[in-house]
Amino acid sequence: MLDIAVVGAGPAGLATAIAAREAGLRARVIDKGLLVNSIFHFPRNQVFFTTPELLEIGGLPFVTPFEKPTRIEALRYYRRVADHFGLDLALGRRVLAIARREAGFELALAASAPPSGFATAGGPDPGPAPTTPSETLRARAVVLATGYYDNPNRLGVPGEDLPHVTHYYAEAHAYYQRPVVVVGGKNSAALAALDLHRHGADVTLVHRGPGLSDSVKYWIRPDLENRIRQGAIAARFRTRVRAIHAGRVETEPVDAAADGEELPADAVFLLTGYHPDTGLLRAAGVDVDPATDRPWHDADSFETNVPGLFVAGSLVSGNETGRTFIENGRFHGERIVATLVARSAPGADGALP
């Protein structure tokens, strides 16, 4: 019987396990993919928007010579964190169900697909999910810190699943002197469009809005706007994708009765954001707002309406993915563990839920 089962091996999940260890509680971190799986699937040359000290967990310094760390440095740092604290990790294990029991919870687990194919697909989908449990884990409390990056916002158009279409961006070299279409108007789409352009791709940016999103970082926006103004990157604003075919993309205006346009595209990057998967939460009995996908939780303890089941990290914000980052989500675990420790103290209502 574990004290805490942490589902999700991202920074918020790891920070929760560290807080548990320091409080003398036994925790195991379970993830269907890799350690910090989402960061592994960021663009290979990704530079974080934040400074290294804001990515630190467990008080372990994040040392880098750069003002803003890279993806490679972050992967190295979180591996070092896991080793330093001797965290109990169960990677490549998918949680199929969480059931409340009298003494706590039972988690049904199954092995995920091996990680060998993750890096080549440009995204974290490991293939068909297992449906038959292969092991059962028992824990007095459960923390869900599953994030959202595994679940892209799909357009729902014909051709979205063609092999030259992806919801993730890895690197640019393969698209040198080739036409590509980038769909989206926020940071991911802006950075991908700029990177592809600088590596010699013929880039067209398609976005349903009237211009770039207000959320595009201030040092990225003028760079992209200047490239668009110069004609180095083509842009189609107030435009949506109607269908995707081999070698071309059909588009149409969003708010005008005008003819559509066909754009040449050897590759299509649908960088339209991501959302949390709330299926596990709902199946466990957690109340989830149908409009925002936000799980009901106490603002101080992060406990849901299911006693002993907590949420941490970006999952707490539902579809409002811009509200919770590593910078603030890394502190959720400390408050969760403090709640559990207080309940097991002498004079409290009992041991862990």
Protein backbone atom coordinates (compact mmCIF):
# COMPACT_ATOMS: atom_id res chain seq x y z
CA MET A 1 0.00 0.00 0.00
CA LEU A 2 1.50 3.28 -1.14
CA ASP A 3 0.77 6.51 0.66
CA ILE A 4 0.42 8.39 -2.65
CA ALA A 5 0.13 7.27 -6.26
CA VAL A 6 1.12 10.14 -8.55
CA VAL A 7 -0.16 9.83 -12.12
CA GLY A 8 2.04 11.88 -14.44
CA ALA A 9 5.84 12.19 -14.45
CA GLY A 10 6.01 15.84 -15.44
CA PRO A 11 7.49 18.55 -13.21
CA ALA A 12 4.30 18.83 -11.10
CA GLY A 13 4.14 15.08 -10.55
CA LEU A 14 7.83 14.84 -9.71
CA ALA A 15 7.56 17.77 -7.29
CA THR A 16 4.67 16.01 -5.55
CA ALA A 17 6.72 12.84 -5.16
CA ILE A 18 9.65 14.84 -3.77
CA ALA A 19 7.41 16.57 -1.21
CA ALA A 20 6.01 13.17 -0.21
CA ARG A 21 9.48 11.69 0.20
CA GLU A 22 10.62 14.60 2.35
CA ALA A 23 7.51 14.12 4.54
CA GLY A 24 8.30 10.44 5.03
CA LEU A 25 5.50 9.20 2.76
CA ARG A 26 5.89 6.47 0.18
CA ALA A 27 4.99 7.68 -3.31
CA ARG A 28 5.23 6.15 -6.76
CA VAL A 29 5.07 8.15 -9.99
CA ILE A 30 3.30 6.45 -12.89
CA ASP A 31 3.41 7.65 -16.49
CA LYS A 32 2.30 6.02 -19.72
CA GLY A 33 5.27 7.61 -21.48
CA LEU A 34 8.69 8.90 -20.53
CA LEU A 35 10.07 11.02 -17.72
CA VAL A 36 8.82 14.58 -18.44
CA ASN A 37 7.18 13.17 -21.55
CA SER A 38 5.80 16.51 -22.77
CA ILE A 39 9.16 18.27 -22.56
CA PHE A 40 10.76 15.41 -24.49
CA HIS A 41 8.31 16.09 -27.32
CA PHE A 42 8.86 19.85 -27.43
CA PRO A 43 10.65 21.06 -30.58
CA ARG A 44 14.19 19.69 -30.45
CA ASN A 45 15.78 23.15 -30.33
CA GLN A 46 13.20 24.59 -27.91
CA VAL A 47 14.28 27.41 -25.63
CA PHE A 48 12.04 27.98 -22.62
CA PHE A 49 10.33 31.34 -22.19
CA THR A 50 11.26 31.39 -18.52
CA THR A 51 14.47 31.49 -16.50
CA PRO A 52 16.02 28.32 -15.01
CA GLU A 53 15.25 29.02 -11.35
CA LEU A 54 11.53 29.02 -12.16
CA LEU A 55 11.81 25.44 -13.45
CA GLU A 56 13.50 24.12 -10.31
CA ILE A 57 11.82 21.53 -8.11
CA GLY A 58 12.84 20.05 -4.80
CA GLY A 59 15.28 22.91 -4.18
CA LEU A 60 17.78 21.38 -6.61
CA PRO A 61 19.54 24.15 -8.59
CA PHE A 62 19.05 24.26 -12.36
CA VAL A 63 22.49 25.31 -13.55
CA THR A 64 22.90 26.67 -17.08
CA PRO A 65 25.15 29.28 -18.71
CA PHE A 66 22.17 30.69 -20.59
CA GLU A 67 19.57 33.19 -19.50
CA LYS A 68 16.82 30.83 -20.67
CA PRO A 69 17.40 27.07 -20.65
CA THR A 70 16.97 24.71 -23.57
CA ARG A 71 14.91 21.56 -23.89
CA ILE A 72 18.06 19.41 -23.75
CA GLU A 73 19.12 21.08 -20.50
CA ALA A 74 15.66 20.61 -18.99
CA LEU A 75 15.66 16.89 -19.81
CA ARG A 76 19.08 16.53 -18.20
CA TYR A 77 17.94 18.50 -15.13
CA TYR A 78 14.80 16.43 -14.49
CA ARG A 79 16.74 13.18 -14.92
CA ARG A 80 19.15 14.47 -12.31
CA VAL A 81 16.23 15.35 -10.03
CA ALA A 82 14.80 11.84 -10.28
CA ASP A 83 18.21 10.29 -9.55
CA HIS A 84 19.07 12.69 -6.73
CA PHE A 85 15.86 12.00 -4.81
CA GLY A 86 15.72 8.31 -5.74
CA LEU A 87 12.13 8.66 -6.94
CA ASP A 88 10.07 5.51 -7.40
CA LEU A 89 9.11 5.69 -11.09
CA ALA A 90 6.85 3.40 -13.10
CA LEU A 91 7.34 4.67 -16.66
CA GLY A 92 5.59 3.13 -19.64
CA ARG A 93 2.60 2.22 -17.46
CA ARG A 94 -0.84 3.51 -18.36
CA VAL A 95 -3.48 3.94 -15.65
CA LEU A 96 -6.70 2.50 -17.03
CA ALA A 97 -8.98 3.10 -14.04
CA ILE A 98 -9.02 4.50 -10.51
CA ALA A 99 -11.49 3.00 -8.04
CA ARG A 100 -12.25 4.24 -4.53
CA ARG A 101 -11.96 1.54 -1.87
CA GLU A 102 -12.48 1.56 1.88
CA ALA A 103 -8.75 1.78 2.59
CA GLY A 104 -7.93 4.14 -0.26
CA PHE A 105 -7.75 3.52 -4.00
CA GLU A 106 -7.01 0.77 -6.49
CA LEU A 107 -5.37 1.70 -9.78
CA ALA A 108 -5.58 -0.66 -12.74
CA LEU A 109 -2.38 -0.43 -14.82
CA ALA A 110 -1.21 -1.82 -18.15
CA ALA A 111 2.02 -1.54 -20.09
CA SER A 112 2.10 1.18 -22.77
CA ALA A 113 3.75 0.81 -26.13
CA PRO A 114 7.57 0.91 -25.90
CA PRO A 115 9.18 4.35 -26.28
CA SER A 116 11.21 3.50 -29.40
CA GLY A 117 8.67 5.03 -31.77
CA PHE A 118 7.92 8.16 -29.76
CA ALA A 119 10.74 10.30 -31.11
CA THR A 120 10.08 9.67 -34.79
CA ALA A 121 6.39 10.53 -34.91
CA GLY A 122 6.81 14.16 -33.85
CA GLY A 123 4.38 13.74 -30.97
CA PRO A 124 3.79 11.78 -27.79
CA ASP A 125 1.07 9.37 -29.00
CA PRO A 126 2.43 5.87 -28.30
CA GLY A 127 -0.18 4.14 -30.43
CA PRO A 128 -3.28 2.16 -29.42
CA ALA A 129 -3.93 2.24 -25.70
CA PRO A 130 -4.03 -1.07 -23.83
CA THR A 131 -7.44 -2.11 -22.57
CA THR A 132 -6.67 -5.07 -20.30
CA PRO A 133 -5.10 -4.39 -16.89
CA SER A 134 -1.88 -6.24 -16.15
CA GLU A 135 -1.33 -5.09 -12.56
CA THR A 136 -3.14 -3.41 -9.68
CA LEU A 137 -1.66 -0.72 -7.49
CA ARG A 138 -3.07 0.31 -4.12
CA ALA A 139 -2.63 3.73 -2.56
CA ARG A 140 -4.19 5.73 0.24
CA ALA A 141 -4.29 8.86 -1.91
CA VAL A 142 -3.98 9.64 -5.64
CA VAL A 143 -2.63 12.75 -7.33
CA LEU A 144 -3.44 13.28 -11.01
CA ALA A 145 -0.86 15.49 -12.75
CA THR A 146 -1.40 14.40 -16.34
CA GLY A 147 -1.17 17.77 -18.09
CA TYR A 148 -2.61 18.31 -21.55
CA TYR A 149 0.14 18.03 -24.20
CA ASP A 150 -0.86 14.50 -25.23
CA ASN A 151 -4.21 15.72 -26.56
CA PRO A 152 -4.11 18.12 -29.52
CA ASN A 153 -7.09 20.24 -30.47
CA ARG A 154 -8.20 18.62 -33.70
CA LEU A 155 -9.71 20.55 -36.60
CA GLY A 156 -12.04 17.73 -37.58
CA VAL A 157 -11.40 18.15 -41.31
CA PRO A 158 -10.84 15.52 -43.99
CA GLY A 159 -7.19 14.53 -44.29
CA GLU A 160 -6.19 15.45 -40.74
CA ASP A 161 -4.74 11.98 -40.20
CA LEU A 162 -2.65 11.81 -43.37
CA PRO A 163 1.01 10.89 -42.78
CA HIS A 164 2.36 14.34 -43.74
CA VAL A 165 0.12 16.06 -41.13
CA THR A 166 1.13 16.47 -37.49
CA HIS A 167 -0.04 18.34 -34.39
CA TYR A 168 3.54 18.61 -33.10
CA TYR A 169 6.63 20.35 -34.42
CA ALA A 170 10.08 18.78 -34.03
CA GLU A 171 12.68 20.41 -36.32
CA ALA A 172 13.00 22.14 -39.68
CA HIS A 173 15.83 20.60 -41.72
CA ALA A 174 13.65 18.01 -43.50
CA TYR A 175 11.56 20.80 -45.06
CA TYR A 176 14.35 22.75 -46.78
CA GLN A 177 13.06 24.12 -50.11
CA ARG A 178 9.67 22.48 -49.59
CA PRO A 179 6.25 24.13 -49.20
CA VAL A 180 4.73 23.78 -45.74
CA VAL A 181 1.58 25.08 -44.08
CA VAL A 182 1.51 26.03 -40.40
CA VAL A 183 -1.97 26.37 -38.87
CA GLY A 184 -2.35 28.46 -35.73
CA GLY A 185 -1.68 31.94 -34.41
CA LYS A 186 -0.10 31.51 -30.97
CA ASN A 187 3.45 30.93 -29.76
CA SER A 188 3.90 27.37 -31.03
CA ALA A 189 2.76 28.25 -34.54
CA ALA A 190 4.76 31.49 -34.58
CA LEU A 191 7.99 29.79 -33.49
CA ALA A 192 7.54 26.92 -35.93
CA ALA A 193 6.87 29.30 -38.84
CA LEU A 194 10.00 31.30 -38.05
CA ASP A 195 12.18 28.23 -37.58
CA LEU A 196 10.99 26.63 -40.81
CA HIS A 197 11.57 29.88 -42.71
CA ARG A 198 15.10 30.24 -41.36
CA HIS A 199 15.90 26.70 -42.48
CA GLY A 200 14.82 27.35 -46.04
CA ALA A 201 11.22 26.12 -46.10
CA ASP A 202 8.51 27.91 -48.09
CA VAL A 203 6.11 28.75 -45.25
CA THR A 204 2.45 29.77 -45.28
CA LEU A 205 0.79 30.57 -41.96
CA VAL A 206 -2.98 30.00 -41.75
CA HIS A 207 -4.99 31.39 -38.83
CA ARG A 208 -8.70 31.89 -38.31
CA GLY A 209 -8.14 35.11 -36.34
CA PRO A 210 -7.61 38.61 -37.77
CA GLY A 211 -3.94 38.51 -36.80
CA LEU A 212 -1.49 36.89 -34.45
CA SER A 213 -2.83 36.12 -30.99
CA ASP A 214 -2.21 38.65 -28.23
CA SER A 215 -0.50 35.86 -26.29
CA VAL A 216 2.46 35.71 -28.72
CA LYS A 217 5.56 36.75 -26.76
CA TYR A 218 6.75 40.30 -27.26
CA TRP A 219 10.14 39.25 -28.64
CA ILE A 220 8.57 36.81 -31.15
CA ARG A 221 5.76 38.94 -32.54
CA PRO A 222 7.77 41.68 -34.31
CA ASP A 223 10.10 39.11 -35.87
CA LEU A 224 7.21 37.19 -37.43
CA GLU A 225 5.24 40.30 -38.39
CA ASN A 226 8.28 41.68 -40.18
CA ARG A 227 8.77 38.42 -42.10
CA ILE A 228 5.10 38.51 -43.11
CA ARG A 229 5.32 42.18 -44.12
CA GLN A 230 8.38 41.41 -46.27
CA GLY A 231 6.61 38.50 -47.93
CA ALA A 232 9.23 36.04 -46.67
CA ILE A 233 6.44 34.17 -44.84
CA ALA A 234 3.01 34.13 -46.43
CA ALA A 235 0.05 34.61 -44.10
CA ARG A 236 -3.65 33.89 -44.52
CA PHE A 237 -5.59 35.44 -41.65
CA ARG A 238 -9.34 35.05 -41.14
CA THR A 239 -8.88 31.74 -42.92
CA ARG A 240 -9.58 28.15 -41.93
CA VAL A 241 -8.62 24.77 -43.32
CA ARG A 242 -11.41 23.00 -45.21
CA ALA A 243 -9.58 19.81 -46.17
CA ILE A 244 -6.07 18.38 -46.45
CA HIS A 245 -4.84 16.31 -49.38
CA ALA A 246 -1.50 14.87 -50.39
CA GLY A 247 0.53 17.89 -51.45
CA ARG A 248 -2.11 20.58 -50.89
CA VAL A 249 -4.43 22.22 -48.36
CA GLU A 250 -7.89 23.57 -49.14
CA THR A 251 -8.73 26.77 -47.24
CA GLU A 252 -11.74 29.07 -47.03
CA PRO A 253 -12.47 32.49 -45.53
CA VAL A 254 -13.91 32.46 -42.01
CA ASP A 255 -16.33 35.35 -42.30
CA ALA A 256 -16.81 36.13 -45.98
CA ALA A 257 -18.70 34.52 -48.84
CA ALA A 258 -15.64 34.24 -51.05
CA ASP A 259 -13.90 31.48 -52.93
CA GLY A 260 -11.43 29.32 -51.10
CA GLU A 261 -7.79 28.79 -51.97
CA GLU A 262 -5.52 25.80 -52.40
CA LEU A 263 -2.07 26.00 -50.85
CA PRO A 264 0.79 23.69 -51.79
CA ALA A 265 1.99 21.68 -48.77
CA ASP A 266 4.44 18.82 -48.51
CA ALA A 267 3.90 19.02 -44.74
CA VAL A 268 1.12 20.45 -42.56
CA PHE A 269 1.63 21.50 -38.94
CA LEU A 270 -1.65 21.87 -37.05
CA LEU A 271 -0.41 23.83 -34.05
CA THR A 272 -3.80 24.78 -32.68
CA GLY A 273 -3.25 23.97 -29.02
CA TYR A 274 -3.95 21.08 -26.67
CA HIS A 275 -6.45 20.09 -23.99
CA PRO A 276 -6.54 17.79 -20.96
CA ASP A 277 -7.98 14.29 -21.08
CA THR A 278 -10.60 14.25 -18.34
CA GLY A 279 -11.82 10.69 -18.94
CA LEU A 280 -9.90 9.23 -16.01
CA LEU A 281 -11.14 12.00 -13.72
CA ARG A 282 -14.77 11.58 -14.69
CA ALA A 283 -14.63 7.79 -14.42
CA ALA A 284 -13.23 8.15 -10.89
CA GLY A 285 -16.21 10.31 -9.91
CA VAL A 286 -14.61 13.77 -10.11
CA ASP A 287 -16.95 16.60 -11.07
CA VAL A 288 -15.62 18.22 -14.24
CA ASP A 289 -17.04 21.44 -15.69
CA PRO A 290 -18.30 20.49 -19.17
CA ALA A 291 -17.59 23.95 -20.56
CA THR A 292 -14.02 24.39 -19.30
CA ASP A 293 -12.92 20.81 -18.48
CA ARG A 294 -11.80 22.13 -15.09
CA PRO A 295 -12.04 19.48 -12.37
CA TRP A 296 -13.71 20.65 -9.20
CA HIS A 297 -11.04 21.06 -6.53
CA ASP A 298 -10.40 22.92 -3.32
CA ALA A 299 -8.33 26.01 -4.08
CA ASP A 300 -6.03 25.45 -1.10
CA SER A 301 -5.52 21.69 -0.98
CA PHE A 302 -6.23 20.76 -4.65
CA GLU A 303 -8.43 17.91 -3.41
CA THR A 304 -11.35 17.06 -5.69
CA ASN A 305 -14.87 16.15 -4.64
CA VAL A 306 -13.61 12.55 -4.35
CA PRO A 307 -11.89 12.43 -0.91
CA GLY A 308 -8.23 11.55 -1.24
CA LEU A 309 -8.04 12.25 -4.98
CA PHE A 310 -6.10 15.41 -5.87
CA VAL A 311 -5.12 17.28 -9.04
CA ALA A 312 -1.85 19.11 -9.68
CA GLY A 313 -0.11 21.06 -12.42
CA SER A 314 -1.83 22.31 -15.54
CA LEU A 315 -4.67 19.80 -15.16
CA VAL A 316 -6.23 22.08 -12.53
CA SER A 317 -6.94 24.73 -15.19
CA GLY A 318 -8.79 22.54 -17.68
CA ASN A 319 -8.92 24.04 -21.17
CA GLU A 320 -7.46 27.32 -19.91
CA THR A 321 -3.99 25.94 -20.49
CA GLY A 322 -2.34 29.34 -20.27
CA ARG A 323 -3.13 29.71 -16.56
CA THR A 324 -0.86 27.04 -15.09
CA PHE A 325 2.78 26.44 -16.06
CA ILE A 326 5.77 24.68 -14.52
CA GLU A 327 6.52 27.94 -12.71
CA ASN A 328 3.38 27.79 -10.52
CA GLY A 329 2.29 24.16 -10.89
CA ARG A 330 5.51 22.93 -9.25
CA PHE A 331 4.21 24.13 -5.86
CA HIS A 332 0.92 22.22 -5.91
CA GLY A 333 2.47 19.02 -4.59
CA GLU A 334 3.75 20.67 -1.42
CA ARG A 335 0.25 21.80 -0.51
CA ILE A 336 -1.24 18.39 -1.30
CA VAL A 337 1.31 16.60 0.85
CA ALA A 338 0.86 19.12 3.68
CA THR A 339 -2.88 18.34 3.63
CA LEU A 340 -2.26 14.60 3.84
CA VAL A 341 0.33 14.95 6.61
CA ALA A 342 -2.04 17.13 8.65
CA ARG A 343 -4.72 14.47 8.43
CA SER A 344 -2.43 11.80 9.79
CA ALA A 345 -1.18 13.92 12.70
CA PRO A 346 -2.12 12.96 16.28
CA GLY A 347 -5.56 14.28 17.10
CA ALA A 348 -6.64 14.49 13.46
CA ASP A 349 -9.61 12.58 12.07
CA GLY A 350 -7.49 9.60 11.11
CA ALA A 351 -4.76 8.47 8.80
CA LEU A 352 -4.51 9.22 5.13
CA PRO A 353 -7.87 8.94 3.33
